[in-house]
Amino acid sequence: MKKTFLILGAVVIFMASFSKADLEKEKTVVATSTLSNHALQMSAGEKLINKSDCIGCHNKVNKIIGPAYVEIAKKYPANEKNINYLADKIIKGGTGVWGSMPMTAHPTVKKDDAKLMVKYILSLKK
């Protein structure tokens, strides 16, 4: 009888140790998978924005110094005229549209890259 309880106890401990380790491993795999899926789903425009200094003045949903991206998306329909206009604003800067604080010019940003950024921003329209 003692042997049975001893063996049964050892089996329970053995099973419990594996299930906990497997859960931790599974959590790690799910978290890594989620992060890599988000990276794969990130648009080229979003990647460019994340690499730039845009986040110093803009946020996706909250106004910082400049308007939130979702506010920009609400104001401008996603058409070629607005995409070109906003891409030029990124490159040349400007003032007066969203208040008195001027937007800094970004002359080193290529026009095609600025358009990708704008397309991402305008895609946030709800």
C-alpha atoms as a PDB file:
ATOM      1  CA  MET A   1       0.000   0.000   0.000  1.00  0.00           C
ATOM      2  CA  LYS A   2       2.874   2.388   0.836  1.00  0.00           C
ATOM      3  CA  LYS A   3       4.433   1.612  -2.523  1.00  0.00           C
ATOM      4  CA  THR A   4       1.190   2.464  -4.322  1.00  0.00           C
ATOM      5  CA  PHE A   5       0.895   5.842  -2.581  1.00  0.00           C
ATOM      6  CA  LEU A   6       4.558   6.526  -3.162  1.00  0.00           C
ATOM      7  CA  ILE A   7       4.301   5.702  -6.866  1.00  0.00           C
ATOM      8  CA  LEU A   8       1.009   7.605  -7.224  1.00  0.00           C
ATOM      9  CA  GLY A   9       2.514  10.657  -5.469  1.00  0.00           C
ATOM     10  CA  ALA A  10       5.606  10.533  -7.684  1.00  0.00           C
ATOM     11  CA  VAL A  11       3.429  10.323 -10.822  1.00  0.00           C
ATOM     12  CA  VAL A  12       1.305  13.302  -9.705  1.00  0.00           C
ATOM     13  CA  ILE A  13       4.394  15.404  -8.988  1.00  0.00           C
ATOM     14  CA  PHE A  14       5.951  14.302 -12.260  1.00  0.00           C
ATOM     15  CA  MET A  15       2.806  15.241 -14.248  1.00  0.00           C
ATOM     16  CA  ALA A  16       2.410  18.567 -12.450  1.00  0.00           C
ATOM     17  CA  SER A  17       5.969  19.587 -13.233  1.00  0.00           C
ATOM     18  CA  PHE A  18       5.532  18.903 -16.929  1.00  0.00           C
ATOM     19  CA  SER A  19       2.218  20.678 -17.266  1.00  0.00           C
ATOM     20  CA  LYS A  20       3.590  23.869 -15.667  1.00  0.00           C
ATOM     21  CA  ALA A  21       6.681  23.844 -17.859  1.00  0.00           C
ATOM     22  CA  ASP A  22       4.566  23.221 -20.930  1.00  0.00           C
ATOM     23  CA  LEU A  23       2.260  26.116 -20.016  1.00  0.00           C
ATOM     24  CA  GLU A  24       5.194  28.489 -19.634  1.00  0.00           C
ATOM     25  CA  LYS A  25       6.656  27.323 -22.930  1.00  0.00           C
ATOM     26  CA  GLU A  26       3.262  27.728 -24.627  1.00  0.00           C
ATOM     27  CA  LYS A  27       2.851  31.268 -23.222  1.00  0.00           C
ATOM     28  CA  THR A  28       6.267  32.203 -24.597  1.00  0.00           C
ATOM     29  CA  VAL A  29       5.434  30.774 -28.019  1.00  0.00           C
ATOM     30  CA  VAL A  30       2.070  32.603 -28.127  1.00  0.00           C
ATOM     31  CA  ALA A  31       3.625  35.923 -27.059  1.00  0.00           C
ATOM     32  CA  THR A  32       6.420  35.611 -29.629  1.00  0.00           C
ATOM     33  CA  SER A  33       3.932  34.624 -32.300  1.00  0.00           C
ATOM     34  CA  THR A  34       1.687  37.598 -31.505  1.00  0.00           C
ATOM     35  CA  LEU A  35       4.602  40.047 -31.682  1.00  0.00           C
ATOM     36  CA  SER A  36       5.857  38.633 -34.962  1.00  0.00           C
ATOM     37  CA  ASN A  37       2.336  38.652 -36.446  1.00  0.00           C
ATOM     38  CA  HIS A  38       1.966  42.335 -35.538  1.00  0.00           C
ATOM     39  CA  ALA A  39       5.347  43.061 -37.132  1.00  0.00           C
ATOM     40  CA  LEU A  40       4.259  41.237 -40.283  1.00  0.00           C
ATOM     41  CA  GLN A  41       0.934  43.089 -40.344  1.00  0.00           C
ATOM     42  CA  MET A  42       2.533  46.496 -39.867  1.00  0.00           C
ATOM     43  CA  SER A  43       2.259  48.523 -43.068  1.00  0.00           C
ATOM     44  CA  ALA A  44       5.246  50.130 -44.725  1.00  0.00           C
ATOM     45  CA  GLY A  45       3.890  53.558 -43.777  1.00  0.00           C
ATOM     46  CA  GLU A  46       3.558  52.597 -40.113  1.00  0.00           C
ATOM     47  CA  LYS A  47       7.121  51.268 -40.109  1.00  0.00           C
ATOM     48  CA  LEU A  48       8.388  54.539 -41.592  1.00  0.00           C
ATOM     49  CA  ILE A  49       6.508  56.551 -38.971  1.00  0.00           C
ATOM     50  CA  ASN A  50       7.904  54.406 -36.169  1.00  0.00           C
ATOM     51  CA  LYS A  51      11.449  54.974 -37.447  1.00  0.00           C
ATOM     52  CA  SER A  52      10.983  58.748 -37.764  1.00  0.00           C
ATOM     53  CA  ASP A  53      10.613  61.596 -35.290  1.00  0.00           C
ATOM     54  CA  CYS A  54       6.832  61.781 -35.846  1.00  0.00           C
ATOM     55  CA  ILE A  55       6.115  60.239 -32.459  1.00  0.00           C
ATOM     56  CA  GLY A  56       7.587  63.301 -30.770  1.00  0.00           C
ATOM     57  CA  CYS A  57       4.586  65.384 -31.842  1.00  0.00           C
ATOM     58  CA  HIS A  58       1.926  62.877 -32.916  1.00  0.00           C
ATOM     59  CA  ASN A  59       0.217  59.827 -31.471  1.00  0.00           C
ATOM     60  CA  LYS A  60      -2.176  57.376 -33.052  1.00  0.00           C
ATOM     61  CA  VAL A  61      -5.160  58.304 -30.847  1.00  0.00           C
ATOM     62  CA  ASN A  62      -4.141  61.236 -28.600  1.00  0.00           C
ATOM     63  CA  LYS A  63      -3.193  64.801 -29.435  1.00  0.00           C
ATOM     64  CA  ILE A  64       0.316  65.621 -28.243  1.00  0.00           C
ATOM     65  CA  ILE A  65       1.729  68.729 -29.940  1.00  0.00           C
ATOM     66  CA  GLY A  66       0.180  67.924 -33.296  1.00  0.00           C
ATOM     67  CA  PRO A  67      -3.105  66.185 -33.996  1.00  0.00           C
ATOM     68  CA  ALA A  68      -3.661  62.464 -33.455  1.00  0.00           C
ATOM     69  CA  TYR A  69      -3.469  60.339 -36.584  1.00  0.00           C
ATOM     70  CA  VAL A  70      -7.119  59.312 -36.204  1.00  0.00           C
ATOM     71  CA  GLU A  71      -8.122  63.009 -36.175  1.00  0.00           C
ATOM     72  CA  ILE A  72      -6.182  63.584 -39.387  1.00  0.00           C
ATOM     73  CA  ALA A  73      -7.894  60.555 -40.911  1.00  0.00           C
ATOM     74  CA  LYS A  74     -11.320  61.961 -39.933  1.00  0.00           C
ATOM     75  CA  LYS A  75     -10.562  65.314 -41.538  1.00  0.00           C
ATOM     76  CA  TYR A  76      -9.124  64.143 -44.863  1.00  0.00           C
ATOM     77  CA  PRO A  77     -10.746  61.623 -47.209  1.00  0.00           C
ATOM     78  CA  ALA A  78      -8.255  59.098 -48.591  1.00  0.00           C
ATOM     79  CA  ASN A  79      -7.903  60.347 -52.155  1.00  0.00           C
ATOM     80  CA  GLU A  80      -4.874  61.132 -54.310  1.00  0.00           C
ATOM     81  CA  LYS A  81      -5.256  64.911 -53.874  1.00  0.00           C
ATOM     82  CA  ASN A  82      -5.166  64.677 -50.061  1.00  0.00           C
ATOM     83  CA  ILE A  83      -2.386  62.084 -50.092  1.00  0.00           C
ATOM     84  CA  ASN A  84      -0.199  64.436 -52.162  1.00  0.00           C
ATOM     85  CA  TYR A  85      -1.179  67.456 -50.042  1.00  0.00           C
ATOM     86  CA  LEU A  86      -0.370  65.746 -46.746  1.00  0.00           C
ATOM     87  CA  ALA A  87       2.849  64.202 -48.109  1.00  0.00           C
ATOM     88  CA  ASP A  88       3.952  67.728 -49.067  1.00  0.00           C
ATOM     89  CA  LYS A  89       3.048  68.915 -45.544  1.00  0.00           C
ATOM     90  CA  ILE A  90       5.323  66.222 -44.093  1.00  0.00           C
ATOM     91  CA  ILE A  91       8.188  67.269 -46.351  1.00  0.00           C
ATOM     92  CA  LYS A  92       7.734  71.063 -46.306  1.00  0.00           C
ATOM     93  CA  GLY A  93       6.111  71.550 -42.897  1.00  0.00           C
ATOM     94  CA  GLY A  94       3.385  74.093 -42.304  1.00  0.00           C
ATOM     95  CA  THR A  95       1.218  75.956 -39.819  1.00  0.00           C
ATOM     96  CA  GLY A  96      -2.335  77.121 -39.227  1.00  0.00           C
ATOM     97  CA  VAL A  97      -4.327  74.000 -40.107  1.00  0.00           C
ATOM     98  CA  TRP A  98      -4.358  72.463 -36.603  1.00  0.00           C
ATOM     99  CA  GLY A  99      -3.474  75.532 -34.560  1.00  0.00           C
ATOM    100  CA  SER A 100      -0.621  77.977 -34.234  1.00  0.00           C
ATOM    101  CA  MET A 101       2.136  75.403 -33.570  1.00  0.00           C
ATOM    102  CA  PRO A 102       4.064  74.887 -36.822  1.00  0.00           C
ATOM    103  CA  MET A 103       4.840  71.431 -38.141  1.00  0.00           C
ATOM    104  CA  THR A 104       8.536  70.903 -38.653  1.00  0.00           C
ATOM    105  CA  ALA A 105       9.687  70.326 -42.226  1.00  0.00           C
ATOM    106  CA  HIS A 106      11.208  66.944 -43.067  1.00  0.00           C
ATOM    107  CA  PRO A 107      13.091  67.663 -46.312  1.00  0.00           C
ATOM    108  CA  THR A 108      15.030  64.388 -46.166  1.00  0.00           C
ATOM    109  CA  VAL A 109      11.854  62.289 -46.397  1.00  0.00           C
ATOM    110  CA  LYS A 110      11.294  61.003 -49.924  1.00  0.00           C
ATOM    111  CA  LYS A 111       7.945  61.837 -51.512  1.00  0.00           C
ATOM    112  CA  ASP A 112       7.069  58.135 -51.938  1.00  0.00           C
ATOM    113  CA  ASP A 113       7.851  57.451 -48.287  1.00  0.00           C
ATOM    114  CA  ALA A 114       5.745  60.428 -47.197  1.00  0.00           C
ATOM    115  CA  LYS A 115       2.862  59.083 -49.292  1.00  0.00           C
ATOM    116  CA  LEU A 116       3.152  55.679 -47.602  1.00  0.00           C
ATOM    117  CA  MET A 117       3.015  57.406 -44.226  1.00  0.00           C
ATOM    118  CA  VAL A 118      -0.055  59.389 -45.239  1.00  0.00           C
ATOM    119  CA  LYS A 119      -1.804  56.307 -46.626  1.00  0.00           C
ATOM    120  CA  TYR A 120      -1.280  54.559 -43.304  1.00  0.00           C
ATOM    121  CA  ILE A 121      -2.598  57.566 -41.355  1.00  0.00           C
ATOM    122  CA  LEU A 122      -5.657  57.887 -43.570  1.00  0.00           C
ATOM    123  CA  SER A 123      -6.321  54.159 -43.235  1.00  0.00           C
ATOM    124  CA  LEU A 124      -7.064  54.770 -39.544  1.00  0.00           C
ATOM    125  CA  LYS A 125     -10.398  56.439 -40.343  1.00  0.00           C
ATOM    126  CA  LYS A 126     -13.130  54.794 -38.318  1.00  0.00           C
END
